[in-house]
């Protein structure tokens, strides 16, 4: 069963129950998928640039579009108008086929994969993740790979917020983890420590006042 058919026949019912939405037209859905590959140092190597273009074409089935620098950055040796990345925008059947492959083949092949972190979904309901090694895609033949490189994937949805997007991705079969960012956890722990410290100081002051009385 294709992912598009799965969404129409099964995901919609799950989303209606989960989100308490009665009209199917109001349910969150996939809008488009943007896949990009940055060139980095590869922009100085024509063969490596061609390899990355071929990679993007192979895994998406579309011809990549060049992204050029809008301003010069001397520290990174980037000139105005220089090609710095390639991208593909997927819609319709190709979009659903790509997301299906991503959820059921690519992500499970990633070492120590524990689910898509919920913080990868922004407040507008769009998911952005990075794949560190392009060999996770089945179209890439290991014997032809000379260098490993990563790529970025952004899944744009019609979800109104993060919770709707999480529900959508889970309804499509994706594993979404509620794991928080390391920095976010550290910040929350520090806030908790500060709060506890203030509470202890307040209790100590109250005790001293009572002793004086």
Foldseek 3Di string as FASTA:
>chain_A
DFLVVLCVPFLLVLLCVVVVDDDSVPAKDFFKKKKKFWCQVVLVPPVSVVVVQVLQCQLQVDGWDFDADCDDDVVSRHHHRRGGMTMDMDGDRSRRNNLLCCAPQLQVQDPPRDFAELVQAFFQLKGKDKDAFSVSHPSDDPVPDDDTGMMMMMTDMNDRGSVSSVSSCVSSPGGYDPDDDPVVVVVVVVVVVVVVVVVVVVVVVVVVVVVVD
